N, C-alpha and C. Protein backbone atom coordinates (compact mmCIF):
# COMPACT_ATOMS: atom_id res chain seq x y z
N MET A 1 78.62 85.07 -37.90
CA MET A 1 78.68 86.39 -37.26
C MET A 1 79.69 86.37 -36.11
N LYS A 2 80.56 87.37 -36.08
CA LYS A 2 81.58 87.45 -35.03
C LYS A 2 80.96 87.96 -33.73
N LYS A 3 81.58 87.58 -32.62
CA LYS A 3 81.05 87.95 -31.31
C LYS A 3 80.96 89.48 -31.14
N LYS A 4 81.91 90.20 -31.69
CA LYS A 4 81.89 91.66 -31.53
C LYS A 4 80.70 92.30 -32.23
N ASP A 5 80.07 91.56 -33.15
CA ASP A 5 78.91 92.07 -33.88
C ASP A 5 77.59 91.69 -33.21
N ILE A 6 77.67 90.87 -32.15
CA ILE A 6 76.46 90.41 -31.47
C ILE A 6 76.15 91.30 -30.27
N LYS A 7 74.92 91.81 -30.24
CA LYS A 7 74.49 92.71 -29.15
C LYS A 7 73.64 91.94 -28.15
N ILE A 8 73.98 92.08 -26.88
CA ILE A 8 73.23 91.44 -25.79
C ILE A 8 72.69 92.52 -24.86
N LEU A 9 71.40 92.49 -24.62
CA LEU A 9 70.77 93.42 -23.68
C LEU A 9 70.54 92.70 -22.36
N LEU A 10 71.08 93.26 -21.29
CA LEU A 10 70.95 92.71 -19.95
C LEU A 10 70.06 93.63 -19.12
N VAL A 11 68.94 93.09 -18.61
CA VAL A 11 67.97 93.90 -17.87
C VAL A 11 67.83 93.35 -16.45
N ASP A 12 68.26 94.13 -15.46
CA ASP A 12 68.21 93.67 -14.07
C ASP A 12 68.26 94.91 -13.17
N ASP A 13 67.55 94.86 -12.05
CA ASP A 13 67.54 96.03 -11.15
C ASP A 13 68.62 95.97 -10.10
N GLU A 14 69.45 94.93 -10.13
CA GLU A 14 70.55 94.82 -9.16
C GLU A 14 71.85 95.28 -9.81
N PRO A 15 72.43 96.40 -9.35
CA PRO A 15 73.66 96.93 -9.95
C PRO A 15 74.80 95.91 -9.97
N ASP A 16 74.93 95.11 -8.91
CA ASP A 16 76.01 94.13 -8.86
C ASP A 16 75.87 93.09 -9.95
N ILE A 17 74.64 92.66 -10.19
CA ILE A 17 74.39 91.67 -11.24
C ILE A 17 74.75 92.25 -12.61
N LEU A 18 74.30 93.49 -12.84
CA LEU A 18 74.61 94.15 -14.12
C LEU A 18 76.11 94.24 -14.34
N GLU A 19 76.83 94.63 -13.28
CA GLU A 19 78.28 94.83 -13.41
C GLU A 19 79.01 93.52 -13.67
N ILE A 20 78.67 92.49 -12.89
CA ILE A 20 79.39 91.21 -13.00
C ILE A 20 79.11 90.53 -14.34
N ILE A 21 77.84 90.46 -14.71
CA ILE A 21 77.49 89.77 -15.95
C ILE A 21 77.98 90.56 -17.17
N SER A 22 77.84 91.88 -17.10
CA SER A 22 78.32 92.72 -18.20
C SER A 22 79.82 92.52 -18.43
N TYR A 23 80.56 92.49 -17.33
CA TYR A 23 82.01 92.31 -17.43
C TYR A 23 82.35 90.98 -18.10
N ASN A 24 81.68 89.91 -17.66
CA ASN A 24 82.00 88.58 -18.20
C ASN A 24 81.60 88.44 -19.66
N LEU A 25 80.45 88.99 -20.04
CA LEU A 25 80.02 88.89 -21.43
C LEU A 25 80.86 89.79 -22.33
N SER A 26 81.24 90.96 -21.82
CA SER A 26 82.12 91.85 -22.59
C SER A 26 83.49 91.22 -22.78
N SER A 27 83.98 90.55 -21.74
CA SER A 27 85.27 89.87 -21.84
C SER A 27 85.24 88.74 -22.87
N GLU A 28 84.04 88.18 -23.08
CA GLU A 28 83.87 87.13 -24.08
C GLU A 28 83.87 87.71 -25.49
N GLY A 29 83.71 89.03 -25.59
CA GLY A 29 83.75 89.68 -26.90
C GLY A 29 82.44 90.27 -27.37
N TYR A 30 81.35 90.09 -26.59
CA TYR A 30 80.05 90.58 -27.00
C TYR A 30 79.89 92.07 -26.68
N GLU A 31 79.02 92.74 -27.44
CA GLU A 31 78.63 94.11 -27.10
C GLU A 31 77.46 94.02 -26.12
N VAL A 32 77.61 94.60 -24.95
CA VAL A 32 76.60 94.47 -23.89
C VAL A 32 75.93 95.82 -23.63
N ILE A 33 74.61 95.80 -23.61
CA ILE A 33 73.80 96.98 -23.29
C ILE A 33 73.06 96.65 -21.99
N THR A 34 72.93 97.60 -21.08
CA THR A 34 72.26 97.31 -19.81
C THR A 34 71.05 98.22 -19.60
N ALA A 35 70.11 97.72 -18.79
CA ALA A 35 68.93 98.49 -18.40
C ALA A 35 68.58 98.11 -16.98
N LYS A 36 68.04 99.07 -16.20
CA LYS A 36 67.81 98.86 -14.77
C LYS A 36 66.40 98.37 -14.43
N ASN A 37 65.49 98.38 -15.40
CA ASN A 37 64.13 97.90 -15.15
C ASN A 37 63.47 97.51 -16.46
N GLY A 38 62.28 96.94 -16.38
CA GLY A 38 61.62 96.45 -17.57
C GLY A 38 61.29 97.53 -18.58
N ALA A 39 60.83 98.68 -18.10
CA ALA A 39 60.47 99.78 -19.00
C ALA A 39 61.68 100.27 -19.79
N GLU A 40 62.80 100.44 -19.09
CA GLU A 40 64.02 100.86 -19.76
C GLU A 40 64.51 99.78 -20.72
N GLY A 41 64.32 98.52 -20.30
CA GLY A 41 64.72 97.40 -21.15
C GLY A 41 63.95 97.38 -22.46
N VAL A 42 62.64 97.61 -22.39
CA VAL A 42 61.82 97.65 -23.61
C VAL A 42 62.28 98.78 -24.52
N SER A 43 62.51 99.96 -23.94
CA SER A 43 62.95 101.12 -24.72
C SER A 43 64.27 100.84 -25.44
N LYS A 44 65.24 100.26 -24.72
CA LYS A 44 66.55 100.00 -25.32
C LYS A 44 66.48 98.86 -26.33
N ALA A 45 65.59 97.89 -26.08
CA ALA A 45 65.44 96.79 -27.04
C ALA A 45 64.93 97.31 -28.37
N LYS A 46 63.98 98.23 -28.32
CA LYS A 46 63.43 98.80 -29.55
C LYS A 46 64.49 99.59 -30.32
N LYS A 47 65.34 100.32 -29.59
CA LYS A 47 66.34 101.16 -30.24
C LYS A 47 67.54 100.36 -30.74
N LYS A 48 68.00 99.40 -29.92
CA LYS A 48 69.25 98.70 -30.22
C LYS A 48 69.07 97.41 -31.01
N GLN A 49 67.86 96.82 -30.99
CA GLN A 49 67.59 95.57 -31.72
C GLN A 49 68.65 94.49 -31.39
N PRO A 50 68.76 94.10 -30.12
CA PRO A 50 69.79 93.12 -29.73
C PRO A 50 69.50 91.72 -30.28
N HIS A 51 70.53 90.90 -30.35
CA HIS A 51 70.37 89.52 -30.78
C HIS A 51 69.88 88.63 -29.63
N LEU A 52 70.25 89.00 -28.40
CA LEU A 52 69.88 88.23 -27.21
C LEU A 52 69.51 89.20 -26.09
N ILE A 53 68.44 88.87 -25.37
CA ILE A 53 68.01 89.67 -24.22
C ILE A 53 67.97 88.78 -22.99
N ILE A 54 68.61 89.22 -21.91
CA ILE A 54 68.59 88.50 -20.64
C ILE A 54 67.77 89.34 -19.66
N LEU A 55 66.68 88.77 -19.16
CA LEU A 55 65.72 89.52 -18.35
C LEU A 55 65.58 88.96 -16.94
N ASP A 56 65.58 89.85 -15.96
CA ASP A 56 65.15 89.47 -14.61
C ASP A 56 63.62 89.45 -14.61
N VAL A 57 63.01 88.79 -13.64
CA VAL A 57 61.54 88.76 -13.56
C VAL A 57 61.04 89.88 -12.66
N MET A 58 61.51 89.91 -11.42
CA MET A 58 61.02 90.89 -10.46
C MET A 58 61.82 92.18 -10.56
N MET A 59 61.18 93.22 -11.14
CA MET A 59 61.85 94.51 -11.29
C MET A 59 60.83 95.63 -11.08
N PRO A 60 61.30 96.83 -10.69
CA PRO A 60 60.39 97.97 -10.52
C PRO A 60 59.91 98.51 -11.87
N GLU A 61 58.83 99.29 -11.81
CA GLU A 61 58.23 99.97 -12.97
C GLU A 61 57.56 99.00 -13.94
N MET A 62 58.26 97.97 -14.36
CA MET A 62 57.68 96.95 -15.23
C MET A 62 58.44 95.65 -15.01
N ASP A 63 57.72 94.56 -14.71
CA ASP A 63 58.43 93.30 -14.45
C ASP A 63 58.86 92.64 -15.77
N GLY A 64 59.66 91.58 -15.64
CA GLY A 64 60.22 90.94 -16.82
C GLY A 64 59.19 90.26 -17.69
N ILE A 65 58.13 89.70 -17.08
CA ILE A 65 57.10 89.02 -17.86
C ILE A 65 56.41 90.01 -18.80
N GLU A 66 55.99 91.15 -18.27
CA GLU A 66 55.34 92.17 -19.10
C GLU A 66 56.29 92.70 -20.16
N ALA A 67 57.55 92.93 -19.77
CA ALA A 67 58.54 93.43 -20.72
C ALA A 67 58.73 92.44 -21.87
N CYS A 68 58.79 91.14 -21.54
CA CYS A 68 58.97 90.11 -22.56
C CYS A 68 57.79 90.11 -23.54
N GLU A 69 56.57 90.21 -23.00
CA GLU A 69 55.38 90.21 -23.86
C GLU A 69 55.40 91.38 -24.84
N ILE A 70 55.81 92.56 -24.33
CA ILE A 70 55.88 93.74 -25.19
C ILE A 70 56.96 93.57 -26.26
N MET A 71 58.11 93.04 -25.84
CA MET A 71 59.19 92.83 -26.80
C MET A 71 58.77 91.89 -27.92
N ARG A 72 58.04 90.84 -27.57
CA ARG A 72 57.62 89.87 -28.57
C ARG A 72 56.63 90.47 -29.58
N ARG A 73 55.92 91.51 -29.16
CA ARG A 73 54.97 92.16 -30.07
C ARG A 73 55.62 93.30 -30.86
N THR A 74 56.88 93.57 -30.58
CA THR A 74 57.57 94.69 -31.22
C THR A 74 58.20 94.26 -32.54
N PRO A 75 57.88 94.95 -33.64
CA PRO A 75 58.49 94.62 -34.93
C PRO A 75 60.01 94.65 -34.85
N GLY A 76 60.63 93.60 -35.38
CA GLY A 76 62.08 93.51 -35.35
C GLY A 76 62.61 92.70 -34.19
N LEU A 77 61.76 92.42 -33.19
CA LEU A 77 62.21 91.64 -32.03
C LEU A 77 61.55 90.25 -31.96
N GLU A 78 60.76 89.92 -32.97
CA GLU A 78 60.03 88.64 -32.94
C GLU A 78 60.98 87.45 -32.81
N ASN A 79 62.14 87.54 -33.43
CA ASN A 79 63.07 86.41 -33.46
C ASN A 79 64.28 86.58 -32.55
N THR A 80 64.30 87.68 -31.79
CA THR A 80 65.37 87.87 -30.82
C THR A 80 65.28 86.79 -29.74
N ILE A 81 66.42 86.25 -29.37
CA ILE A 81 66.43 85.24 -28.30
C ILE A 81 66.23 85.95 -26.97
N ILE A 82 65.26 85.47 -26.19
CA ILE A 82 65.00 86.05 -24.87
C ILE A 82 65.10 84.96 -23.81
N THR A 83 65.91 85.19 -22.80
CA THR A 83 65.99 84.24 -21.69
C THR A 83 65.82 84.98 -20.37
N PHE A 84 65.11 84.37 -19.45
CA PHE A 84 65.00 84.95 -18.11
C PHE A 84 66.17 84.47 -17.26
N LEU A 85 66.67 85.35 -16.42
CA LEU A 85 67.69 85.03 -15.42
C LEU A 85 67.15 85.53 -14.10
N THR A 86 66.68 84.62 -13.26
CA THR A 86 65.94 85.05 -12.08
C THR A 86 66.08 84.07 -10.93
N ALA A 87 65.86 84.57 -9.73
CA ALA A 87 65.86 83.71 -8.54
C ALA A 87 64.55 82.94 -8.40
N ARG A 88 63.54 83.30 -9.21
CA ARG A 88 62.24 82.62 -9.15
C ARG A 88 62.32 81.31 -9.92
N GLY A 89 62.40 80.20 -9.18
CA GLY A 89 62.57 78.91 -9.84
C GLY A 89 61.33 78.04 -9.85
N GLU A 90 60.20 78.56 -9.37
CA GLU A 90 58.98 77.74 -9.30
C GLU A 90 58.47 77.39 -10.70
N ASP A 91 57.79 76.24 -10.79
CA ASP A 91 57.25 75.80 -12.07
C ASP A 91 56.32 76.84 -12.68
N TYR A 92 55.43 77.42 -11.84
CA TYR A 92 54.46 78.36 -12.39
C TYR A 92 55.14 79.62 -12.93
N SER A 93 56.26 80.00 -12.31
CA SER A 93 56.99 81.17 -12.78
C SER A 93 57.66 80.87 -14.13
N GLN A 94 58.19 79.67 -14.27
CA GLN A 94 58.80 79.27 -15.54
C GLN A 94 57.74 79.19 -16.63
N VAL A 95 56.58 78.62 -16.33
CA VAL A 95 55.51 78.53 -17.31
C VAL A 95 55.08 79.93 -17.77
N ALA A 96 54.97 80.86 -16.82
CA ALA A 96 54.61 82.24 -17.16
C ALA A 96 55.65 82.85 -18.08
N GLY A 97 56.91 82.53 -17.83
CA GLY A 97 57.99 83.05 -18.68
C GLY A 97 57.89 82.53 -20.10
N PHE A 98 57.66 81.24 -20.25
CA PHE A 98 57.54 80.66 -21.59
C PHE A 98 56.27 81.14 -22.27
N ASP A 99 55.20 81.30 -21.52
CA ASP A 99 53.95 81.84 -22.08
C ASP A 99 54.16 83.25 -22.63
N ALA A 100 55.04 84.01 -21.99
CA ALA A 100 55.30 85.38 -22.43
C ALA A 100 56.15 85.42 -23.69
N GLY A 101 56.73 84.27 -24.07
CA GLY A 101 57.51 84.22 -25.31
C GLY A 101 58.99 83.99 -25.12
N ALA A 102 59.42 83.63 -23.90
CA ALA A 102 60.85 83.41 -23.65
C ALA A 102 61.33 82.12 -24.31
N ASP A 103 62.62 82.10 -24.66
CA ASP A 103 63.23 80.91 -25.25
C ASP A 103 63.88 80.01 -24.20
N ASP A 104 64.24 80.58 -23.07
CA ASP A 104 64.91 79.80 -22.03
C ASP A 104 64.67 80.47 -20.68
N TYR A 105 65.00 79.75 -19.62
CA TYR A 105 64.75 80.23 -18.26
C TYR A 105 65.90 79.74 -17.39
N ILE A 106 66.73 80.65 -16.93
CA ILE A 106 67.91 80.30 -16.15
C ILE A 106 67.71 80.79 -14.71
N THR A 107 67.99 79.92 -13.76
CA THR A 107 67.74 80.24 -12.36
C THR A 107 69.01 80.71 -11.66
N LYS A 108 68.90 81.81 -10.92
CA LYS A 108 69.98 82.29 -10.06
C LYS A 108 69.99 81.44 -8.79
N PRO A 109 71.13 81.35 -8.08
CA PRO A 109 72.44 81.89 -8.48
C PRO A 109 73.09 81.01 -9.54
N ILE A 110 73.91 81.62 -10.36
CA ILE A 110 74.64 80.89 -11.38
C ILE A 110 76.02 81.50 -11.52
N LYS A 111 77.03 80.68 -11.66
CA LYS A 111 78.39 81.18 -11.81
C LYS A 111 78.51 81.90 -13.15
N PRO A 112 79.21 83.04 -13.17
CA PRO A 112 79.34 83.82 -14.41
C PRO A 112 79.83 83.00 -15.60
N LYS A 113 80.82 82.12 -15.37
CA LYS A 113 81.35 81.33 -16.47
C LYS A 113 80.30 80.36 -17.02
N VAL A 114 79.45 79.85 -16.13
CA VAL A 114 78.39 78.94 -16.58
C VAL A 114 77.36 79.71 -17.40
N LEU A 115 77.04 80.92 -16.94
CA LEU A 115 76.10 81.76 -17.68
C LEU A 115 76.65 82.08 -19.07
N VAL A 116 77.93 82.42 -19.15
CA VAL A 116 78.55 82.70 -20.44
C VAL A 116 78.44 81.48 -21.36
N SER A 117 78.64 80.29 -20.81
CA SER A 117 78.51 79.06 -21.61
C SER A 117 77.09 78.89 -22.14
N LYS A 118 76.10 79.20 -21.28
CA LYS A 118 74.71 79.10 -21.71
C LYS A 118 74.40 80.12 -22.81
N VAL A 119 74.93 81.32 -22.66
CA VAL A 119 74.74 82.36 -23.68
C VAL A 119 75.36 81.90 -25.00
N ASN A 120 76.57 81.37 -24.94
CA ASN A 120 77.22 80.87 -26.15
C ASN A 120 76.38 79.79 -26.82
N ALA A 121 75.79 78.91 -26.00
CA ALA A 121 74.97 77.82 -26.53
C ALA A 121 73.71 78.36 -27.20
N LEU A 122 73.06 79.33 -26.57
CA LEU A 122 71.86 79.93 -27.16
C LEU A 122 72.18 80.58 -28.50
N LEU A 123 73.28 81.27 -28.57
CA LEU A 123 73.65 81.95 -29.81
C LEU A 123 74.12 80.97 -30.88
N ARG A 124 74.69 79.83 -30.48
CA ARG A 124 75.04 78.80 -31.46
C ARG A 124 73.79 78.25 -32.11
N ARG A 125 72.73 78.09 -31.31
CA ARG A 125 71.47 77.60 -31.87
C ARG A 125 70.93 78.60 -32.88
N MET A 126 71.09 79.88 -32.61
CA MET A 126 70.64 80.90 -33.55
C MET A 126 71.41 80.77 -34.86
N SER A 127 72.71 80.55 -34.77
CA SER A 127 73.53 80.41 -35.98
C SER A 127 73.15 79.18 -36.77
N LYS A 128 72.88 78.08 -36.07
CA LYS A 128 72.47 76.85 -36.76
C LYS A 128 71.14 77.06 -37.47
N GLY A 129 70.29 77.88 -36.85
CA GLY A 129 68.98 78.12 -37.45
C GLY A 129 69.08 78.89 -38.74
N GLU A 130 70.25 79.47 -39.04
CA GLU A 130 70.43 80.23 -40.26
C GLU A 130 70.97 79.37 -41.39
N SER A 131 71.10 78.06 -41.17
CA SER A 131 71.61 77.19 -42.21
C SER A 131 70.64 77.15 -43.38
N PRO A 132 71.16 76.99 -44.63
CA PRO A 132 70.30 77.02 -45.79
C PRO A 132 69.27 75.90 -45.77
N GLN A 133 68.03 76.24 -46.11
CA GLN A 133 66.97 75.26 -46.26
C GLN A 133 65.87 75.94 -47.07
N GLU A 134 64.91 75.17 -47.51
CA GLU A 134 63.84 75.74 -48.31
C GLU A 134 63.11 76.81 -47.51
N ASP A 135 62.99 78.01 -48.09
CA ASP A 135 62.45 79.14 -47.35
C ASP A 135 60.95 79.02 -47.08
N ILE A 136 60.21 78.50 -48.07
CA ILE A 136 58.75 78.45 -47.94
C ILE A 136 58.25 77.04 -48.23
N THR A 137 57.50 76.48 -47.30
CA THR A 137 56.91 75.15 -47.51
C THR A 137 55.43 75.22 -47.18
N LYS A 138 54.66 74.28 -47.75
CA LYS A 138 53.22 74.23 -47.52
C LYS A 138 52.85 72.86 -46.99
N VAL A 139 52.15 72.85 -45.88
CA VAL A 139 51.70 71.59 -45.26
C VAL A 139 50.20 71.74 -45.02
N GLY A 140 49.40 71.07 -45.81
CA GLY A 140 47.95 71.24 -45.71
C GLY A 140 47.58 72.68 -46.02
N ASP A 141 46.87 73.32 -45.10
CA ASP A 141 46.47 74.72 -45.27
C ASP A 141 47.48 75.70 -44.68
N ILE A 142 48.61 75.17 -44.18
CA ILE A 142 49.59 76.00 -43.50
C ILE A 142 50.80 76.26 -44.39
N VAL A 143 51.12 77.54 -44.59
CA VAL A 143 52.31 77.94 -45.34
C VAL A 143 53.34 78.43 -44.34
N ILE A 144 54.54 77.85 -44.37
CA ILE A 144 55.59 78.18 -43.42
C ILE A 144 56.70 78.93 -44.15
N ASN A 145 56.94 80.17 -43.72
CA ASN A 145 57.97 81.01 -44.31
C ASN A 145 59.14 81.11 -43.34
N ARG A 146 60.18 80.33 -43.60
CA ARG A 146 61.31 80.28 -42.67
C ARG A 146 62.16 81.55 -42.72
N GLU A 147 62.19 82.21 -43.85
CA GLU A 147 63.00 83.42 -43.97
C GLU A 147 62.44 84.54 -43.10
N GLU A 148 61.11 84.67 -43.06
CA GLU A 148 60.48 85.76 -42.32
C GLU A 148 59.92 85.31 -40.97
N TYR A 149 60.10 84.02 -40.64
CA TYR A 149 59.60 83.48 -39.38
C TYR A 149 58.12 83.79 -39.20
N LYS A 150 57.33 83.49 -40.21
CA LYS A 150 55.89 83.67 -40.09
C LYS A 150 55.18 82.54 -40.79
N ILE A 151 53.92 82.34 -40.45
CA ILE A 151 53.12 81.32 -41.10
C ILE A 151 51.81 81.94 -41.55
N VAL A 152 51.19 81.28 -42.53
CA VAL A 152 49.85 81.65 -42.95
C VAL A 152 48.99 80.40 -42.79
N ASN A 153 47.98 80.50 -41.94
CA ASN A 153 47.10 79.37 -41.65
C ASN A 153 45.70 79.69 -42.15
N GLN A 154 45.26 78.98 -43.20
CA GLN A 154 43.96 79.21 -43.81
C GLN A 154 43.76 80.68 -44.18
N GLY A 155 44.81 81.27 -44.75
CA GLY A 155 44.74 82.64 -45.21
C GLY A 155 45.05 83.69 -44.16
N GLU A 156 45.21 83.28 -42.90
CA GLU A 156 45.49 84.23 -41.82
C GLU A 156 46.98 84.21 -41.48
N GLU A 157 47.62 85.37 -41.54
CA GLU A 157 49.04 85.47 -41.21
C GLU A 157 49.24 85.48 -39.70
N ILE A 158 50.17 84.65 -39.22
CA ILE A 158 50.45 84.55 -37.79
C ILE A 158 51.95 84.68 -37.58
N ILE A 159 52.35 85.57 -36.68
CA ILE A 159 53.76 85.70 -36.30
C ILE A 159 53.97 84.92 -35.00
N LEU A 160 54.89 83.97 -35.04
CA LEU A 160 55.17 83.14 -33.86
C LEU A 160 56.52 83.52 -33.25
N PRO A 161 56.64 83.42 -31.92
CA PRO A 161 57.97 83.53 -31.30
C PRO A 161 58.89 82.46 -31.87
N ARG A 162 60.19 82.71 -31.80
CA ARG A 162 61.17 81.83 -32.45
C ARG A 162 60.98 80.36 -32.10
N LYS A 163 60.87 80.02 -30.82
CA LYS A 163 60.83 78.61 -30.45
C LYS A 163 59.51 77.94 -30.87
N GLU A 164 58.41 78.68 -30.81
CA GLU A 164 57.15 78.11 -31.31
C GLU A 164 57.26 77.84 -32.80
N PHE A 165 57.88 78.77 -33.53
CA PHE A 165 58.05 78.59 -34.97
C PHE A 165 58.92 77.36 -35.26
N GLU A 166 60.04 77.25 -34.56
CA GLU A 166 60.95 76.14 -34.81
C GLU A 166 60.33 74.80 -34.45
N LEU A 167 59.52 74.79 -33.39
CA LEU A 167 58.83 73.56 -33.00
C LEU A 167 57.81 73.18 -34.08
N LEU A 168 57.05 74.15 -34.57
CA LEU A 168 56.09 73.88 -35.63
C LEU A 168 56.79 73.39 -36.90
N ALA A 169 57.89 74.06 -37.26
CA ALA A 169 58.63 73.67 -38.47
C ALA A 169 59.15 72.24 -38.35
N LEU A 170 59.61 71.85 -37.16
CA LEU A 170 60.10 70.49 -36.95
C LEU A 170 58.98 69.47 -37.10
N LEU A 171 57.86 69.70 -36.40
CA LEU A 171 56.77 68.73 -36.43
C LEU A 171 56.15 68.61 -37.82
N THR A 172 56.04 69.73 -38.54
CA THR A 172 55.43 69.69 -39.87
C THR A 172 56.39 69.18 -40.94
N SER A 173 57.68 69.06 -40.60
CA SER A 173 58.64 68.54 -41.58
C SER A 173 58.34 67.10 -41.94
N LYS A 174 57.70 66.37 -41.02
CA LYS A 174 57.29 64.98 -41.29
C LYS A 174 55.94 64.73 -40.61
N PRO A 175 54.85 65.14 -41.28
CA PRO A 175 53.52 64.94 -40.69
C PRO A 175 53.28 63.47 -40.33
N ASN A 176 52.62 63.27 -39.21
CA ASN A 176 52.27 61.95 -38.67
C ASN A 176 53.44 61.20 -38.03
N LYS A 177 54.65 61.74 -38.16
CA LYS A 177 55.79 61.12 -37.47
C LYS A 177 55.78 61.55 -36.01
N VAL A 178 55.99 60.61 -35.11
CA VAL A 178 56.07 60.93 -33.69
C VAL A 178 57.49 61.36 -33.36
N PHE A 179 57.63 62.59 -32.90
CA PHE A 179 58.93 63.10 -32.47
C PHE A 179 59.06 62.92 -30.96
N LYS A 180 60.07 62.19 -30.55
CA LYS A 180 60.29 61.97 -29.13
C LYS A 180 60.68 63.26 -28.45
N ARG A 181 60.35 63.37 -27.16
CA ARG A 181 60.61 64.60 -26.42
C ARG A 181 62.09 64.97 -26.43
N GLU A 182 62.97 63.96 -26.30
CA GLU A 182 64.39 64.26 -26.27
C GLU A 182 64.88 64.76 -27.63
N VAL A 183 64.26 64.27 -28.70
CA VAL A 183 64.61 64.74 -30.05
C VAL A 183 64.17 66.19 -30.24
N ILE A 184 62.95 66.50 -29.76
CA ILE A 184 62.45 67.87 -29.86
C ILE A 184 63.35 68.84 -29.09
N LEU A 185 63.72 68.46 -27.87
CA LEU A 185 64.60 69.31 -27.07
C LEU A 185 65.93 69.55 -27.78
N ASP A 186 66.47 68.50 -28.39
CA ASP A 186 67.76 68.62 -29.07
C ASP A 186 67.66 69.50 -30.31
N LYS A 187 66.62 69.27 -31.12
CA LYS A 187 66.49 69.99 -32.39
C LYS A 187 66.07 71.44 -32.20
N VAL A 188 65.21 71.70 -31.24
CA VAL A 188 64.66 73.05 -31.07
C VAL A 188 65.46 73.87 -30.05
N TRP A 189 65.82 73.24 -28.94
CA TRP A 189 66.53 73.99 -27.88
C TRP A 189 68.02 73.67 -27.84
N GLY A 190 68.40 72.53 -28.34
CA GLY A 190 69.82 72.18 -28.31
C GLY A 190 70.18 71.44 -27.05
N ASN A 191 71.01 70.41 -27.17
CA ASN A 191 71.36 69.63 -25.99
C ASN A 191 72.35 70.37 -25.09
N GLU A 192 72.83 71.55 -25.53
CA GLU A 192 73.72 72.31 -24.65
C GLU A 192 72.92 73.13 -23.65
N VAL A 193 71.64 73.37 -23.94
CA VAL A 193 70.83 74.27 -23.12
C VAL A 193 69.87 73.45 -22.25
N VAL A 194 69.90 73.71 -20.95
CA VAL A 194 69.02 73.00 -20.03
C VAL A 194 67.73 73.81 -19.87
N VAL A 195 66.61 73.19 -20.20
CA VAL A 195 65.32 73.86 -20.06
C VAL A 195 64.42 73.02 -19.16
N GLY A 196 63.38 73.64 -18.63
CA GLY A 196 62.47 72.94 -17.73
C GLY A 196 61.72 71.81 -18.42
N GLY A 197 61.31 70.83 -17.63
CA GLY A 197 60.62 69.67 -18.17
C GLY A 197 59.31 69.98 -18.87
N ARG A 198 58.68 71.10 -18.50
CA ARG A 198 57.39 71.44 -19.08
C ARG A 198 57.50 72.38 -20.28
N THR A 199 58.71 72.66 -20.69
CA THR A 199 58.92 73.61 -21.78
C THR A 199 58.18 73.21 -23.05
N ILE A 200 58.33 71.96 -23.48
CA ILE A 200 57.69 71.50 -24.71
C ILE A 200 56.18 71.59 -24.56
N ASP A 201 55.65 71.16 -23.42
CA ASP A 201 54.20 71.17 -23.21
C ASP A 201 53.62 72.58 -23.33
N VAL A 202 54.33 73.56 -22.76
CA VAL A 202 53.86 74.94 -22.83
C VAL A 202 53.82 75.42 -24.28
N HIS A 203 54.86 75.11 -25.05
CA HIS A 203 54.92 75.56 -26.43
C HIS A 203 53.88 74.84 -27.30
N ILE A 204 53.64 73.57 -27.03
CA ILE A 204 52.59 72.84 -27.77
C ILE A 204 51.23 73.45 -27.47
N ARG A 205 50.98 73.80 -26.21
CA ARG A 205 49.70 74.41 -25.85
C ARG A 205 49.49 75.72 -26.60
N LYS A 206 50.56 76.53 -26.70
CA LYS A 206 50.45 77.79 -27.41
C LYS A 206 50.18 77.57 -28.90
N LEU A 207 50.82 76.55 -29.48
CA LEU A 207 50.58 76.25 -30.90
C LEU A 207 49.16 75.76 -31.12
N ARG A 208 48.64 74.97 -30.20
CA ARG A 208 47.26 74.50 -30.32
C ARG A 208 46.28 75.68 -30.30
N GLU A 209 46.58 76.67 -29.47
CA GLU A 209 45.72 77.85 -29.39
C GLU A 209 45.75 78.64 -30.69
N LYS A 210 46.90 78.68 -31.34
CA LYS A 210 47.07 79.53 -32.52
C LYS A 210 46.78 78.80 -33.84
N ILE A 211 47.10 77.51 -33.89
CA ILE A 211 46.98 76.76 -35.14
C ILE A 211 45.75 75.86 -35.16
N GLY A 212 45.41 75.30 -33.99
CA GLY A 212 44.26 74.40 -33.92
C GLY A 212 44.57 73.15 -33.12
N GLU A 213 43.65 72.77 -32.26
CA GLU A 213 43.82 71.61 -31.38
C GLU A 213 44.10 70.33 -32.15
N ASP A 214 43.38 70.13 -33.25
CA ASP A 214 43.40 68.84 -33.93
C ASP A 214 44.72 68.51 -34.62
N HIS A 215 45.57 69.51 -34.84
CA HIS A 215 46.82 69.27 -35.57
C HIS A 215 47.92 68.65 -34.71
N PHE A 216 47.82 68.79 -33.40
CA PHE A 216 48.91 68.37 -32.52
C PHE A 216 48.44 67.25 -31.59
N LYS A 217 49.02 66.08 -31.78
CA LYS A 217 48.63 64.91 -31.01
C LYS A 217 49.72 64.52 -30.01
N THR A 218 49.29 64.25 -28.79
CA THR A 218 50.22 63.79 -27.76
C THR A 218 50.29 62.27 -27.79
N VAL A 219 51.48 61.73 -27.85
CA VAL A 219 51.69 60.29 -27.73
C VAL A 219 52.25 60.08 -26.33
N LYS A 220 51.40 59.63 -25.43
CA LYS A 220 51.74 59.59 -24.01
C LYS A 220 53.03 58.82 -23.76
N GLY A 221 53.91 59.46 -23.01
CA GLY A 221 55.17 58.83 -22.64
C GLY A 221 56.22 58.84 -23.74
N VAL A 222 55.88 59.39 -24.91
CA VAL A 222 56.83 59.39 -26.04
C VAL A 222 57.11 60.82 -26.51
N GLY A 223 56.06 61.50 -27.03
CA GLY A 223 56.29 62.83 -27.58
C GLY A 223 55.08 63.37 -28.29
N TYR A 224 55.31 64.05 -29.41
CA TYR A 224 54.21 64.70 -30.13
C TYR A 224 54.33 64.46 -31.63
N LYS A 225 53.19 64.60 -32.32
CA LYS A 225 53.21 64.54 -33.79
C LYS A 225 52.22 65.55 -34.35
N PHE A 226 52.47 65.96 -35.60
CA PHE A 226 51.58 66.88 -36.32
C PHE A 226 50.76 66.06 -37.31
N VAL A 227 49.47 66.25 -37.29
CA VAL A 227 48.58 65.53 -38.22
C VAL A 227 47.79 66.53 -39.06
N LEU A 228 47.48 66.15 -40.28
CA LEU A 228 46.71 67.01 -41.19
C LEU A 228 45.22 66.75 -41.02
């Protein structure tokens, strides 16, 4: 997919941020859509169906966390890449962002060129995720549909956010194999993208809640494995 065909929605209540980031992303060749708050961001996301959404956290009318949660429940946006861009760098704020369904969390201030590089990296991961592979696989009672980004667990259909799905697909690709944390970060998030140290833990916790505690085992100091 060419850059001119990729739509990026930028949601921030600071006009200067909107102007600077929009200019740099547009100069890179992307189509950029802007919104001034979370409510407007949700509305435009539903209408425009962007490939990538960049969200501030603290905004009037509706904050970024709530907006992200709504976007993730919106048909057509389940697999859209969502990243927060915010001055809130605390661990609990990052955990809340990932819990809401975000794929990445970028802390302000950040140089525009660095942000553009991060955006390029996120979108490269999306392109790699489109590489040909078996569309539907079955692991125990779990059916994984890679084409539709959904799973069926014991007859119940579950829609997962993109990164949770990719993490599950990786771990189930080789049941009982221990995947090291650095391997998981590389395969799911990409070594070009810097994510918080607790990112994997948050996503594993969400998968345990949705799929079942017993399937995901922690190997202390090493990583995680999927067991049947």
